[in-house]
Structures are given as structure tokens and as C-alpha cells.
Amino acid sequence: MKPSNAGPRRLDDGTDLHEFLGETDVALVMFYTVGCGKCQAMEPVLGTVSRATGVEIGLCNPGDDLGLVEVYDIRSVPTLVLFEDGESVARLADGFVQTATIVEFLSTHVPSAVEGDPTIG
């Protein structure tokens, strides 16, 4: 997997999410809402995670497609859902989390997807 230098990708709705998940073997998606300060603070963290690990990251507002709330069991934001081969395999719904925590989460759940030494220094 090549490191993503483009940063997190905005996904407008369930169709965009489905297409995004079909384009990559491993993806991390942050479900957020507009006006959520913790969600906004997570965006640069996720950019760093993407550059450090090569994992593709998407940002999806389930308020724009309410069916996503039920499909992905979104109860709070930000919620990070890890997908492998289009299937949800793990989630973090702990509010704001640091880069190292997310990298460790990725390394634990999809170690083959995290490139090289994803040490954050």
C-alpha cells in the first residue's frame, strides 16, 4: 500500500463511502458531524496517521445520509471505523484520540496494512 499524501478524503454520502471502501483493501473512516469541535481537531491527526501508515482515510457525515447511522451503529462522534475488504473490523469511539493511539489501533487490527515503522516522533 502506498502512503496517502492527499490526506483524508471527504465522503458525501453512503454511495461515496461504498465507492471509497471498494477502492482500497484497508480504510479508516471517521464519522463526524458539522460543528463538532473534537471532530474538527481529529482531521489533522488523521492526516498525520495517513502519512505515517499509508492507510487511506475517509471523513463521512452520517447526518447527510441518515441510513449510515443505523448501518454503522454510530452513537457518538467522532467515531472511527476500520474497514478491511469493505467490512467493518474494529472501531474507536473515544472522542478525540492522539496520533499514536490511532497508529497502535491500526497496527493491532491490521498489522499487514501499516507500512514500515509507523513510529510517530
PDB file of N, CA and C in Angstrom:
ATOM      1  N   MET A   1       0.847  -1.172   0.000  1.00  0.00           N
ATOM      2  CA  MET A   1       0.000   0.000   0.000  1.00  0.00           C
ATOM      3  C   MET A   1       0.892   1.235   0.000  1.00  0.00           C
ATOM      4  N   LYS A   2       0.604   2.176  -0.853  1.00  0.00           N
ATOM      5  CA  LYS A   2       1.369   3.417  -0.909  1.00  0.00           C
ATOM      6  C   LYS A   2       0.868   4.389   0.142  1.00  0.00           C
ATOM      7  N   PRO A   3       1.792   5.156   0.735  1.00  0.00           N
ATOM      8  CA  PRO A   3       1.336   6.170   1.674  1.00  0.00           C
ATOM      9  C   PRO A   3       0.439   7.175   0.971  1.00  0.00           C
ATOM     10  N   SER A   4      -0.604   7.554   1.643  1.00  0.00           N
ATOM     11  CA  SER A   4      -1.519   8.548   1.105  1.00  0.00           C
ATOM     12  C   SER A   4      -1.005   9.934   1.468  1.00  0.00           C
ATOM     13  N   ASN A   5      -0.731  10.730   0.466  1.00  0.00           N
ATOM     14  CA  ASN A   5      -0.265  12.089   0.709  1.00  0.00           C
ATOM     15  C   ASN A   5      -1.383  13.101   0.523  1.00  0.00           C
ATOM     16  N   ALA A   6      -2.521  12.639   0.058  1.00  0.00           N
ATOM     17  CA  ALA A   6      -3.625  13.552  -0.213  1.00  0.00           C
ATOM     18  C   ALA A   6      -4.383  13.919   1.055  1.00  0.00           C
ATOM     19  N   GLY A   7      -4.167  13.195   2.124  1.00  0.00           N
ATOM     20  CA  GLY A   7      -4.904  13.448   3.352  1.00  0.00           C
ATOM     21  C   GLY A   7      -6.256  12.781   3.311  1.00  0.00           C
ATOM     22  N   PRO A   8      -7.025  12.964   4.373  1.00  0.00           N
ATOM     23  CA  PRO A   8      -8.347  12.345   4.430  1.00  0.00           C
ATOM     24  C   PRO A   8      -9.248  12.812   3.284  1.00  0.00           C
ATOM     25  N   ARG A   9     -10.081  11.901   2.815  1.00  0.00           N
ATOM     26  CA  ARG A   9     -10.987  12.189   1.697  1.00  0.00           C
ATOM     27  C   ARG A   9     -12.406  12.380   2.227  1.00  0.00           C
ATOM     28  N   ARG A  10     -13.048  13.461   1.813  1.00  0.00           N
ATOM     29  CA  ARG A  10     -14.436  13.719   2.207  1.00  0.00           C
ATOM     30  C   ARG A  10     -15.380  12.842   1.396  1.00  0.00           C
ATOM     31  N   LEU A  11     -16.295  12.204   2.112  1.00  0.00           N
ATOM     32  CA  LEU A  11     -17.280  11.313   1.508  1.00  0.00           C
ATOM     33  C   LEU A  11     -18.654  11.910   1.749  1.00  0.00           C
ATOM     34  N   ASP A  12     -19.371  12.214   0.681  1.00  0.00           N
ATOM     35  CA  ASP A  12     -20.624  12.959   0.797  1.00  0.00           C
ATOM     36  C   ASP A  12     -21.810  12.144   1.294  1.00  0.00           C
ATOM     37  N   ASP A  13     -21.802  10.838   1.027  1.00  0.00           N
ATOM     38  CA  ASP A  13     -22.959  10.020   1.386  1.00  0.00           C
ATOM     39  C   ASP A  13     -22.570   8.546   1.347  1.00  0.00           C
ATOM     40  N   GLY A  14     -23.561   7.688   1.522  1.00  0.00           N
ATOM     41  CA  GLY A  14     -23.318   6.255   1.530  1.00  0.00           C
ATOM     42  C   GLY A  14     -22.748   5.739   0.220  1.00  0.00           C
ATOM     43  N   THR A  15     -23.147   6.338  -0.888  1.00  0.00           N
ATOM     44  CA  THR A  15     -22.616   5.929  -2.193  1.00  0.00           C
ATOM     45  C   THR A  15     -21.123   6.219  -2.261  1.00  0.00           C
ATOM     46  N   ASP A  16     -20.729   7.431  -1.858  1.00  0.00           N
ATOM     47  CA  ASP A  16     -19.301   7.779  -1.830  1.00  0.00           C
ATOM     48  C   ASP A  16     -18.532   6.830  -0.903  1.00  0.00           C
ATOM     49  N   LEU A  17     -19.110   6.536   0.264  1.00  0.00           N
ATOM     50  CA  LEU A  17     -18.463   5.643   1.219  1.00  0.00           C
ATOM     51  C   LEU A  17     -18.261   4.269   0.602  1.00  0.00           C
ATOM     52  N   HIS A  18     -19.295   3.736  -0.023  1.00  0.00           N
ATOM     53  CA  HIS A  18     -19.217   2.424  -0.650  1.00  0.00           C
ATOM     54  C   HIS A  18     -18.133   2.392  -1.733  1.00  0.00           C
ATOM     55  N   GLU A  19     -18.076   3.430  -2.561  1.00  0.00           N
ATOM     56  CA  GLU A  19     -17.060   3.508  -3.617  1.00  0.00           C
ATOM     57  C   GLU A  19     -15.660   3.588  -3.009  1.00  0.00           C
ATOM     58  N   PHE A  20     -15.500   4.407  -1.967  1.00  0.00           N
ATOM     59  CA  PHE A  20     -14.220   4.560  -1.284  1.00  0.00           C
ATOM     60  C   PHE A  20     -13.743   3.222  -0.728  1.00  0.00           C
ATOM     61  N   LEU A  21     -14.641   2.492  -0.073  1.00  0.00           N
ATOM     62  CA  LEU A  21     -14.284   1.205   0.507  1.00  0.00           C
ATOM     63  C   LEU A  21     -13.944   0.173  -0.564  1.00  0.00           C
ATOM     64  N   GLY A  22     -14.540   0.323  -1.745  1.00  0.00           N
ATOM     65  CA  GLY A  22     -14.246  -0.590  -2.844  1.00  0.00           C
ATOM     66  C   GLY A  22     -12.904  -0.316  -3.505  1.00  0.00           C
ATOM     67  N   GLU A  23     -12.332   0.844  -3.273  1.00  0.00           N
ATOM     68  CA  GLU A  23     -11.072   1.238  -3.903  1.00  0.00           C
ATOM     69  C   GLU A  23      -9.842   0.830  -3.108  1.00  0.00           C
ATOM     70  N   THR A  24      -9.997   0.399  -1.886  1.00  0.00           N
ATOM     71  CA  THR A  24      -8.848   0.102  -1.041  1.00  0.00           C
ATOM     72  C   THR A  24      -9.112  -1.138  -0.192  1.00  0.00           C
ATOM     73  N   ASP A  25      -8.052  -1.856   0.124  1.00  0.00           N
ATOM     74  CA  ASP A  25      -8.191  -3.055   0.959  1.00  0.00           C
ATOM     75  C   ASP A  25      -8.454  -2.693   2.411  1.00  0.00           C
ATOM     76  N   VAL A  26      -7.786  -1.632   2.881  1.00  0.00           N
ATOM     77  CA  VAL A  26      -7.918  -1.192   4.267  1.00  0.00           C
ATOM     78  C   VAL A  26      -8.199   0.298   4.279  1.00  0.00           C
ATOM     79  N   ALA A  27      -9.196   0.692   5.042  1.00  0.00           N
ATOM     80  CA  ALA A  27      -9.548   2.114   5.145  1.00  0.00           C
ATOM     81  C   ALA A  27     -10.033   2.407   6.559  1.00  0.00           C
ATOM     82  N   LEU A  28      -9.748   3.615   7.001  1.00  0.00           N
ATOM     83  CA  LEU A  28     -10.244   4.109   8.273  1.00  0.00           C
ATOM     84  C   LEU A  28     -11.188   5.256   7.962  1.00  0.00           C
ATOM     85  N   VAL A  29     -12.400   5.189   8.491  1.00  0.00           N
ATOM     86  CA  VAL A  29     -13.394   6.227   8.234  1.00  0.00           C
ATOM     87  C   VAL A  29     -13.781   6.880   9.550  1.00  0.00           C
ATOM     88  N   MET A  30     -13.704   8.220   9.564  1.00  0.00           N
ATOM     89  CA  MET A  30     -14.189   8.960  10.723  1.00  0.00           C
ATOM     90  C   MET A  30     -15.593   9.462  10.404  1.00  0.00           C
ATOM     91  N   PHE A  31     -16.549   9.042  11.228  1.00  0.00           N
ATOM     92  CA  PHE A  31     -17.899   9.577  11.149  1.00  0.00           C
ATOM     93  C   PHE A  31     -17.935  10.797  12.071  1.00  0.00           C
ATOM     94  N   TYR A  32     -18.409  11.913  11.546  1.00  0.00           N
ATOM     95  CA  TYR A  32     -18.371  13.189  12.258  1.00  0.00           C
ATOM     96  C   TYR A  32     -19.671  13.949  12.028  1.00  0.00           C
ATOM     97  N   THR A  33     -19.829  15.047  12.725  1.00  0.00           N
ATOM     98  CA  THR A  33     -20.922  15.969  12.445  1.00  0.00           C
ATOM     99  C   THR A  33     -20.362  17.382  12.335  1.00  0.00           C
ATOM    100  N   VAL A  34     -21.057  18.208  11.587  1.00  0.00           N
ATOM    101  CA  VAL A  34     -20.668  19.602  11.432  1.00  0.00           C
ATOM    102  C   VAL A  34     -20.805  20.291  12.791  1.00  0.00           C
ATOM    103  N   GLY A  35     -19.815  21.082  13.144  1.00  0.00           N
ATOM    104  CA  GLY A  35     -19.845  21.808  14.403  1.00  0.00           C
ATOM    105  C   GLY A  35     -19.257  21.048  15.581  1.00  0.00           C
ATOM    106  N   CYS A  36     -18.826  19.813  15.359  1.00  0.00           N
ATOM    107  CA  CYS A  36     -18.204  19.013  16.422  1.00  0.00           C
ATOM    108  C   CYS A  36     -16.731  19.418  16.535  1.00  0.00           C
ATOM    109  N   GLY A  37     -16.389  20.062  17.647  1.00  0.00           N
ATOM    110  CA  GLY A  37     -15.020  20.524  17.848  1.00  0.00           C
ATOM    111  C   GLY A  37     -14.012  19.392  17.894  1.00  0.00           C
ATOM    112  N   LYS A  38     -14.375  18.290  18.555  1.00  0.00           N
ATOM    113  CA  LYS A  38     -13.468  17.144  18.623  1.00  0.00           C
ATOM    114  C   LYS A  38     -13.233  16.559  17.232  1.00  0.00           C
ATOM    115  N   CYS A  39     -14.298  16.541  16.424  1.00  0.00           N
ATOM    116  CA  CYS A  39     -14.172  16.021  15.061  1.00  0.00           C
ATOM    117  C   CYS A  39     -13.224  16.895  14.242  1.00  0.00           C
ATOM    118  N   GLN A  40     -13.388  18.209  14.356  1.00  0.00           N
ATOM    119  CA  GLN A  40     -12.513  19.129  13.629  1.00  0.00           C
ATOM    120  C   GLN A  40     -11.066  18.965  14.075  1.00  0.00           C
ATOM    121  N   ALA A  41     -10.850  18.772  15.361  1.00  0.00           N
ATOM    122  CA  ALA A  41      -9.498  18.592  15.887  1.00  0.00           C
ATOM    123  C   ALA A  41      -8.878  17.276  15.410  1.00  0.00           C
ATOM    124  N   MET A  42      -9.697  16.294  15.077  1.00  0.00           N
ATOM    125  CA  MET A  42      -9.200  14.999  14.621  1.00  0.00           C
ATOM    126  C   MET A  42      -8.678  15.037  13.184  1.00  0.00           C
ATOM    127  N   GLU A  43      -9.158  15.976  12.361  1.00  0.00           N
ATOM    128  CA  GLU A  43      -8.773  15.985  10.951  1.00  0.00           C
ATOM    129  C   GLU A  43      -7.267  16.055  10.733  1.00  0.00           C
ATOM    130  N   PRO A  44      -6.531  16.995  11.366  1.00  0.00           N
ATOM    131  CA  PRO A  44      -5.078  16.997  11.150  1.00  0.00           C
ATOM    132  C   PRO A  44      -4.396  15.750  11.718  1.00  0.00           C
ATOM    133  N   VAL A  45      -4.930  15.207  12.802  1.00  0.00           N
ATOM    134  CA  VAL A  45      -4.393  13.968  13.372  1.00  0.00           C
ATOM    135  C   VAL A  45      -4.523  12.844  12.343  1.00  0.00           C
ATOM    136  N   LEU A  46      -5.670  12.754  11.705  1.00  0.00           N
ATOM    137  CA  LEU A  46      -5.893  11.701  10.715  1.00  0.00           C
ATOM    138  C   LEU A  46      -4.995  11.875   9.492  1.00  0.00           C
ATOM    139  N   GLY A  47      -4.706  13.114   9.125  1.00  0.00           N
ATOM    140  CA  GLY A  47      -3.760  13.363   8.033  1.00  0.00           C
ATOM    141  C   GLY A  47      -2.385  12.817   8.382  1.00  0.00           C
ATOM    142  N   THR A  48      -1.960  13.039   9.609  1.00  0.00           N
ATOM    143  CA  THR A  48      -0.671  12.520  10.086  1.00  0.00           C
ATOM    144  C   THR A  48      -0.686  10.999  10.090  1.00  0.00           C
ATOM    145  N   VAL A  49      -1.767  10.404  10.549  1.00  0.00           N
ATOM    146  CA  VAL A  49      -1.897   8.943  10.572  1.00  0.00           C
ATOM    147  C   VAL A  49      -1.787   8.379   9.159  1.00  0.00           C
ATOM    148  N   SER A  50      -2.459   9.002   8.224  1.00  0.00           N
ATOM    149  CA  SER A  50      -2.432   8.538   6.838  1.00  0.00           C
ATOM    150  C   SER A  50      -1.018   8.583   6.272  1.00  0.00           C
ATOM    151  N   ARG A  51      -0.317   9.683   6.520  1.00  0.00           N
ATOM    152  CA  ARG A  51       1.059   9.809   6.021  1.00  0.00           C
ATOM    153  C   ARG A  51       1.991   8.812   6.706  1.00  0.00           C
ATOM    154  N   ALA A  52       1.782   8.564   7.985  1.00  0.00           N
ATOM    155  CA  ALA A  52       2.665   7.679   8.744  1.00  0.00           C
ATOM    156  C   ALA A  52       2.445   6.209   8.418  1.00  0.00           C
ATOM    157  N   THR A  53       1.216   5.835   8.064  1.00  0.00           N
ATOM    158  CA  THR A  53       0.892   4.419   7.901  1.00  0.00           C
ATOM    159  C   THR A  53       0.575   4.008   6.470  1.00  0.00           C
ATOM    160  N   GLY A  54       0.158   4.948   5.639  1.00  0.00           N
ATOM    161  CA  GLY A  54      -0.273   4.610   4.291  1.00  0.00           C
ATOM    162  C   GLY A  54      -1.720   4.149   4.222  1.00  0.00           C
ATOM    163  N   VAL A  55      -2.407   4.114   5.344  1.00  0.00           N
ATOM    164  CA  VAL A  55      -3.818   3.713   5.363  1.00  0.00           C
ATOM    165  C   VAL A  55      -4.671   4.863   4.829  1.00  0.00           C
ATOM    166  N   GLU A  56      -5.573   4.540   3.919  1.00  0.00           N
ATOM    167  CA  GLU A  56      -6.485   5.539   3.357  1.00  0.00           C
ATOM    168  C   GLU A  56      -7.516   5.928   4.409  1.00  0.00           C
ATOM    169  N   ILE A  57      -7.838   7.214   4.464  1.00  0.00           N
ATOM    170  CA  ILE A  57      -8.773   7.718   5.467  1.00  0.00           C
ATOM    171  C   ILE A  57      -9.880   8.507   4.803  1.00  0.00           C
ATOM    172  N   GLY A  58     -11.101   8.233   5.235  1.00  0.00           N
ATOM    173  CA  GLY A  58     -12.267   8.946   4.734  1.00  0.00           C
ATOM    174  C   GLY A  58     -12.977   9.649   5.880  1.00  0.00           C
ATOM    175  N   LEU A  59     -13.668  10.735   5.541  1.00  0.00           N
ATOM    176  CA  LEU A  59     -14.458  11.502   6.504  1.00  0.00           C
ATOM    177  C   LEU A  59     -15.895  11.503   6.020  1.00  0.00           C
ATOM    178  N   CYS A  60     -16.812  11.064   6.859  1.00  0.00           N
ATOM    179  CA  CYS A  60     -18.202  10.923   6.445  1.00  0.00           C
ATOM    180  C   CYS A  60     -19.139  11.486   7.508  1.00  0.00           C
ATOM    181  N   ASN A  61     -20.019  12.380   7.100  1.00  0.00           N
ATOM    182  CA  ASN A  61     -21.018  12.956   7.992  1.00  0.00           C
ATOM    183  C   ASN A  61     -22.306  12.152   7.838  1.00  0.00           C
ATOM    184  N   PRO A  62     -22.642  11.302   8.808  1.00  0.00           N
ATOM    185  CA  PRO A  62     -23.843  10.490   8.670  1.00  0.00           C
ATOM    186  C   PRO A  62     -25.122  11.329   8.688  1.00  0.00           C
ATOM    187  N   GLY A  63     -25.021  12.589   9.100  1.00  0.00           N
ATOM    188  CA  GLY A  63     -26.178  13.479   9.039  1.00  0.00           C
ATOM    189  C   GLY A  63     -26.604  13.773   7.614  1.00  0.00           C
ATOM    190  N   ASP A  64     -25.688  13.580   6.664  1.00  0.00           N
ATOM    191  CA  ASP A  64     -26.001  13.787   5.253  1.00  0.00           C
ATOM    192  C   ASP A  64     -26.650  12.563   4.625  1.00  0.00           C
ATOM    193  N   ASP A  65     -26.595  11.438   5.309  1.00  0.00           N
ATOM    194  CA  ASP A  65     -27.199  10.188   4.842  1.00  0.00           C
ATOM    195  C   ASP A  65     -27.557   9.389   6.096  1.00  0.00           C
ATOM    196  N   LEU A  66     -28.726   9.667   6.662  1.00  0.00           N
ATOM    197  CA  LEU A  66     -29.102   9.125   7.968  1.00  0.00           C
ATOM    198  C   LEU A  66     -29.111   7.602   8.042  1.00  0.00           C
ATOM    199  N   GLY A  67     -29.219   6.931   6.930  1.00  0.00           N
ATOM    200  CA  GLY A  67     -29.162   5.474   6.927  1.00  0.00           C
ATOM    201  C   GLY A  67     -27.828   4.947   7.441  1.00  0.00           C
ATOM    202  N   LEU A  68     -26.773   5.745   7.297  1.00  0.00           N
ATOM    203  CA  LEU A  68     -25.453   5.337   7.760  1.00  0.00           C
ATOM    204  C   LEU A  68     -25.388   5.206   9.282  1.00  0.00           C
ATOM    205  N   VAL A  69     -26.199   5.991   9.990  1.00  0.00           N
ATOM    206  CA  VAL A  69     -26.226   5.934  11.455  1.00  0.00           C
ATOM    207  C   VAL A  69     -26.587   4.527  11.911  1.00  0.00           C
ATOM    208  N   GLU A  70     -27.601   3.963  11.293  1.00  0.00           N
ATOM    209  CA  GLU A  70     -28.039   2.617  11.669  1.00  0.00           C
ATOM    210  C   GLU A  70     -27.104   1.543  11.120  1.00  0.00           C
ATOM    211  N   VAL A  71     -26.724   1.671   9.864  1.00  0.00           N
ATOM    212  CA  VAL A  71     -25.877   0.653   9.236  1.00  0.00           C
ATOM    213  C   VAL A  71     -24.568   0.475   9.994  1.00  0.00           C
ATOM    214  N   TYR A  72     -23.954   1.589  10.422  1.00  0.00           N
ATOM    215  CA  TYR A  72     -22.650   1.521  11.090  1.00  0.00           C
ATOM    216  C   TYR A  72     -22.740   1.772  12.594  1.00  0.00           C
ATOM    217  N   ASP A  73     -23.960   1.776  13.128  1.00  0.00           N
ATOM    218  CA  ASP A  73     -24.200   1.894  14.567  1.00  0.00           C
ATOM    219  C   ASP A  73     -23.443   3.081  15.172  1.00  0.00           C
ATOM    220  N   ILE A  74     -23.636   4.258  14.576  1.00  0.00           N
ATOM    221  CA  ILE A  74     -22.971   5.475  15.041  1.00  0.00           C
ATOM    222  C   ILE A  74     -23.789   6.055  16.187  1.00  0.00           C
ATOM    223  N   ARG A  75     -23.200   6.048  17.394  1.00  0.00           N
ATOM    224  CA  ARG A  75     -23.883   6.538  18.590  1.00  0.00           C
ATOM    225  C   ARG A  75     -23.272   7.823  19.118  1.00  0.00           C
ATOM    226  N   SER A  76     -22.039   8.111  18.702  1.00  0.00           N
ATOM    227  CA  SER A  76     -21.371   9.341  19.114  1.00  0.00           C
ATOM    228  C   SER A  76     -20.353   9.705  18.042  1.00  0.00           C
ATOM    229  N   VAL A  77     -19.922  10.955  18.066  1.00  0.00           N
ATOM    230  CA  VAL A  77     -18.889  11.404  17.137  1.00  0.00           C
ATOM    231  C   VAL A  77     -17.785  12.082  17.928  1.00  0.00           C
ATOM    232  N   PRO A  78     -16.568  11.996  17.453  1.00  0.00           N
ATOM    233  CA  PRO A  78     -16.149  11.225  16.286  1.00  0.00           C
ATOM    234  C   PRO A  78     -16.104   9.725  16.592  1.00  0.00           C
ATOM    235  N   THR A  79     -16.490   8.945  15.599  1.00  0.00           N
ATOM    236  CA  THR A  79     -16.345   7.500  15.651  1.00  0.00           C
ATOM    237  C   THR A  79     -15.460   7.084  14.490  1.00  0.00           C
ATOM    238  N   LEU A  80     -14.417   6.344  14.793  1.00  0.00           N
ATOM    239  CA  LEU A  80     -13.509   5.825  13.769  1.00  0.00           C
ATOM    240  C   LEU A  80     -13.849   4.362  13.536  1.00  0.00           C
ATOM    241  N   VAL A  81     -14.113   4.018  12.275  1.00  0.00           N
ATOM    242  CA  VAL A  81     -14.423   2.636  11.926  1.00  0.00           C
ATOM    243  C   VAL A  81     -13.363   2.152  10.945  1.00  0.00           C
ATOM    244  N   LEU A  82     -12.752   1.035  11.267  1.00  0.00           N
ATOM    245  CA  LEU A  82     -11.723   0.436  10.433  1.00  0.00           C
ATOM    246  C   LEU A  82     -12.369  -0.620   9.544  1.00  0.00           C
ATOM    247  N   PHE A  83     -12.075  -0.542   8.259  1.00  0.00           N
ATOM    248  CA  PHE A  83     -12.625  -1.475   7.277  1.00  0.00           C
ATOM    249  C   PHE A  83     -11.495  -2.256   6.621  1.00  0.00           C
ATOM    250  N   GLU A  84     -11.727  -3.540   6.447  1.00  0.00           N
ATOM    251  CA  GLU A  84     -10.816  -4.376   5.677  1.00  0.00           C
ATOM    252  C   GLU A  84     -11.659  -5.125   4.660  1.00  0.00           C
ATOM    253  N   ASP A  85     -11.286  -4.999   3.401  1.00  0.00           N
ATOM    254  CA  ASP A  85     -12.046  -5.600   2.296  1.00  0.00           C
ATOM    255  C   ASP A  85     -13.521  -5.198   2.352  1.00  0.00           C
ATOM    256  N   GLY A  86     -13.775  -3.931   2.709  1.00  0.00           N
ATOM    257  CA  GLY A  86     -15.127  -3.390   2.717  1.00  0.00           C
ATOM    258  C   GLY A  86     -15.960  -3.730   3.938  1.00  0.00           C
ATOM    259  N   GLU A  87     -15.412  -4.527   4.847  1.00  0.00           N
ATOM    260  CA  GLU A  87     -16.149  -4.940   6.044  1.00  0.00           C
ATOM    261  C   GLU A  87     -15.597  -4.236   7.277  1.00  0.00           C
ATOM    262  N   SER A  88     -16.490  -3.805   8.145  1.00  0.00           N
ATOM    263  CA  SER A  88     -16.090  -3.190   9.400  1.00  0.00           C
ATOM    264  C   SER A  88     -15.428  -4.240  10.282  1.00  0.00           C
ATOM    265  N   VAL A  89     -14.183  -3.940  10.758  1.00  0.00           N
ATOM    266  CA  VAL A  89     -13.460  -4.911  11.586  1.00  0.00           C
ATOM    267  C   VAL A  89     -13.166  -4.401  12.991  1.00  0.00           C
ATOM    268  N   ALA A  90     -13.207  -3.093  13.196  1.00  0.00           N
ATOM    269  CA  ALA A  90     -12.928  -2.534  14.523  1.00  0.00           C
ATOM    270  C   ALA A  90     -13.377  -1.078  14.543  1.00  0.00           C
ATOM    271  N   ARG A  91     -13.538  -0.546  15.766  1.00  0.00           N
ATOM    272  CA  ARG A  91     -13.948   0.851  15.895  1.00  0.00           C
ATOM    273  C   ARG A  91     -13.362   1.471  17.140  1.00  0.00           C
ATOM    274  N   LEU A  92     -13.207   2.786  17.080  1.00  0.00           N
ATOM    275  CA  LEU A  92     -12.803   3.615  18.211  1.00  0.00           C
ATOM    276  C   LEU A  92     -13.854   4.702  18.332  1.00  0.00           C
ATOM    277  N   ALA A  93     -14.483   4.806  19.473  1.00  0.00           N
ATOM    278  CA  ALA A  93     -15.480   5.857  19.705  1.00  0.00           C
ATOM    279  C   ALA A  93     -15.191   6.513  21.048  1.00  0.00           C
ATOM    280  N   ASP A  94     -13.948   6.961  21.189  1.00  0.00           N
ATOM    281  CA  ASP A  94     -13.486   7.516  22.455  1.00  0.00           C
ATOM    282  C   ASP A  94     -13.313   9.027  22.421  1.00  0.00           C
ATOM    283  N   GLY A  95     -13.961   9.707  21.473  1.00  0.00           N
ATOM    284  CA  GLY A  95     -13.769  11.148  21.343  1.00  0.00           C
ATOM    285  C   GLY A  95     -12.446  11.433  20.662  1.00  0.00           C
ATOM    286  N   PHE A  96     -11.793  12.519  21.052  1.00  0.00           N
ATOM    287  CA  PHE A  96     -10.511  12.876  20.463  1.00  0.00           C
ATOM    288  C   PHE A  96      -9.452  11.892  20.929  1.00  0.00           C
ATOM    289  N   VAL A  97      -8.674  11.362  19.985  1.00  0.00           N
ATOM    290  CA  VAL A  97      -7.552  10.492  20.319  1.00  0.00           C
ATOM    291  C   VAL A  97      -6.315  10.960  19.562  1.00  0.00           C
ATOM    292  N   GLN A  98      -5.171  10.728  20.157  1.00  0.00           N
ATOM    293  CA  GLN A  98      -3.895  11.157  19.589  1.00  0.00           C
ATOM    294  C   GLN A  98      -3.456  10.238  18.448  1.00  0.00           C
ATOM    295  N   THR A  99      -2.535  10.749  17.646  1.00  0.00           N
ATOM    296  CA  THR A  99      -1.986  10.010  16.511  1.00  0.00           C
ATOM    297  C   THR A  99      -1.466   8.639  16.937  1.00  0.00           C
ATOM    298  N   ALA A 100      -0.666   8.584  17.990  1.00  0.00           N
ATOM    299  CA  ALA A 100      -0.066   7.317  18.422  1.00  0.00           C
ATOM    300  C   ALA A 100      -1.128   6.282  18.772  1.00  0.00           C
ATOM    301  N   THR A 101      -2.223   6.715  19.357  1.00  0.00           N
ATOM    302  CA  THR A 101      -3.307   5.793  19.719  1.00  0.00           C
ATOM    303  C   THR A 101      -3.931   5.183  18.469  1.00  0.00           C
ATOM    304  N   ILE A 102      -4.125   6.003  17.451  1.00  0.00           N
ATOM    305  CA  ILE A 102      -4.730   5.510  16.204  1.00  0.00           C
ATOM    306  C   ILE A 102      -3.765   4.583  15.478  1.00  0.00           C
ATOM    307  N   VAL A 103      -2.492   4.933  15.443  1.00  0.00           N
ATOM    308  CA  VAL A 103      -1.499   4.071  14.798  1.00  0.00           C
ATOM    309  C   VAL A 103      -1.439   2.720  15.511  1.00  0.00           C
ATOM    310  N   GLU A 104      -1.468   2.733  16.833  1.00  0.00           N
ATOM    311  CA  GLU A 104      -1.469   1.480  17.596  1.00  0.00           C
ATOM    312  C   GLU A 104      -2.738   0.672  17.290  1.00  0.00           C
ATOM    313  N   PHE A 105      -3.879   1.337  17.216  1.00  0.00           N
ATOM    314  CA  PHE A 105      -5.152   0.699  16.867  1.00  0.00           C
ATOM    315  C   PHE A 105      -5.039   0.009  15.504  1.00  0.00           C
ATOM    316  N   LEU A 106      -4.482   0.718  14.515  1.00  0.00           N
ATOM    317  CA  LEU A 106      -4.312   0.144  13.181  1.00  0.00           C
ATOM    318  C   LEU A 106      -3.349  -1.034  13.206  1.00  0.00           C
ATOM    319  N   SER A 107      -2.234  -0.878  13.907  1.00  0.00           N
ATOM    320  CA  SER A 107      -1.228  -1.938  13.991  1.00  0.00           C
ATOM    321  C   SER A 107      -1.783  -3.193  14.650  1.00  0.00           C
ATOM    322  N   THR A 108      -2.666  -3.014  15.612  1.00  0.00           N
ATOM    323  CA  THR A 108      -3.273  -4.140  16.313  1.00  0.00           C
ATOM    324  C   THR A 108      -4.252  -4.894  15.424  1.00  0.00           C
ATOM    325  N   HIS A 109      -5.083  -4.149  14.684  1.00  0.00           N
ATOM    326  CA  HIS A 109      -6.173  -4.775  13.941  1.00  0.00           C
ATOM    327  C   HIS A 109      -5.823  -5.157  12.505  1.00  0.00           C
ATOM    328  N   VAL A 110      -4.904  -4.453  11.880  1.00  0.00           N
ATOM    329  CA  VAL A 110      -4.486  -4.775  10.505  1.00  0.00           C
ATOM    330  C   VAL A 110      -2.980  -4.542  10.361  1.00  0.00           C
ATOM    331  N   PRO A 111      -2.172  -5.335  11.071  1.00  0.00           N
ATOM    332  CA  PRO A 111      -0.733  -5.092  11.069  1.00  0.00           C
ATOM    333  C   PRO A 111      -0.113  -5.121   9.679  1.00  0.00           C
ATOM    334  N   SER A 112      -0.649  -5.918   8.783  1.00  0.00           N
ATOM    335  CA  SER A 112      -0.092  -6.003   7.430  1.00  0.00           C
ATOM    336  C   SER A 112      -0.320  -4.727   6.627  1.00  0.00           C
ATOM    337  N   ALA A 113      -1.268  -3.895   7.063  1.00  0.00           N
ATOM    338  CA  ALA A 113      -1.591  -2.682   6.311  1.00  0.00           C
ATOM    339  C   ALA A 113      -0.743  -1.491   6.729  1.00  0.00           C
ATOM    340  N   VAL A 114      -0.111  -1.573   7.878  1.00  0.00           N
ATOM    341  CA  VAL A 114       0.689  -0.450   8.382  1.00  0.00           C
ATOM    342  C   VAL A 114       2.103  -0.619   7.857  1.00  0.00           C
ATOM    343  N   GLU A 115       2.536   0.358   7.067  1.00  0.00           N
ATOM    344  CA  GLU A 115       3.825   0.255   6.380  1.00  0.00           C
ATOM    345  C   GLU A 115       4.996   0.558   7.290  1.00  0.00           C
ATOM    346  N   GLY A 116       6.041  -0.208   7.093  1.00  0.00           N
ATOM    347  CA  GLY A 116       7.320   0.075   7.724  1.00  0.00           C
ATOM    348  C   GLY A 116       7.207   0.262   9.221  1.00  0.00           C
ATOM    349  N   ASP A 117       7.894   1.282   9.717  1.00  0.00           N
ATOM    350  CA  ASP A 117       7.886   1.615  11.139  1.00  0.00           C
ATOM    351  C   ASP A 117       7.032   2.859  11.326  1.00  0.00           C
ATOM    352  N   PRO A 118       5.784   2.695  11.725  1.00  0.00           N
ATOM    353  CA  PRO A 118       4.895   3.847  11.838  1.00  0.00           C
ATOM    354  C   PRO A 118       5.091   4.628  13.128  1.00  0.00           C
ATOM    355  N   THR A 119       6.317   4.686  13.606  1.00  0.00           N
ATOM    356  CA  THR A 119       6.603   5.413  14.841  1.00  0.00           C
ATOM    357  C   THR A 119       6.366   6.898  14.617  1.00  0.00           C
ATOM    358  N   ILE A 120       5.650   7.486  15.510  1.00  0.00           N
ATOM    359  CA  ILE A 120       5.378   8.920  15.456  1.00  0.00           C
ATOM    360  C   ILE A 120       6.342   9.588  16.406  1.00  0.00           C
ATOM    361  N   GLY A 121       7.184  10.449  15.869  1.00  0.00           N
ATOM    362  CA  GLY A 121       8.177  11.069  16.722  1.00  0.00           C
ATOM    363  C   GLY A 121       8.000  12.456  16.865  1.00  0.00           C
TER     364      GLY A 121
END
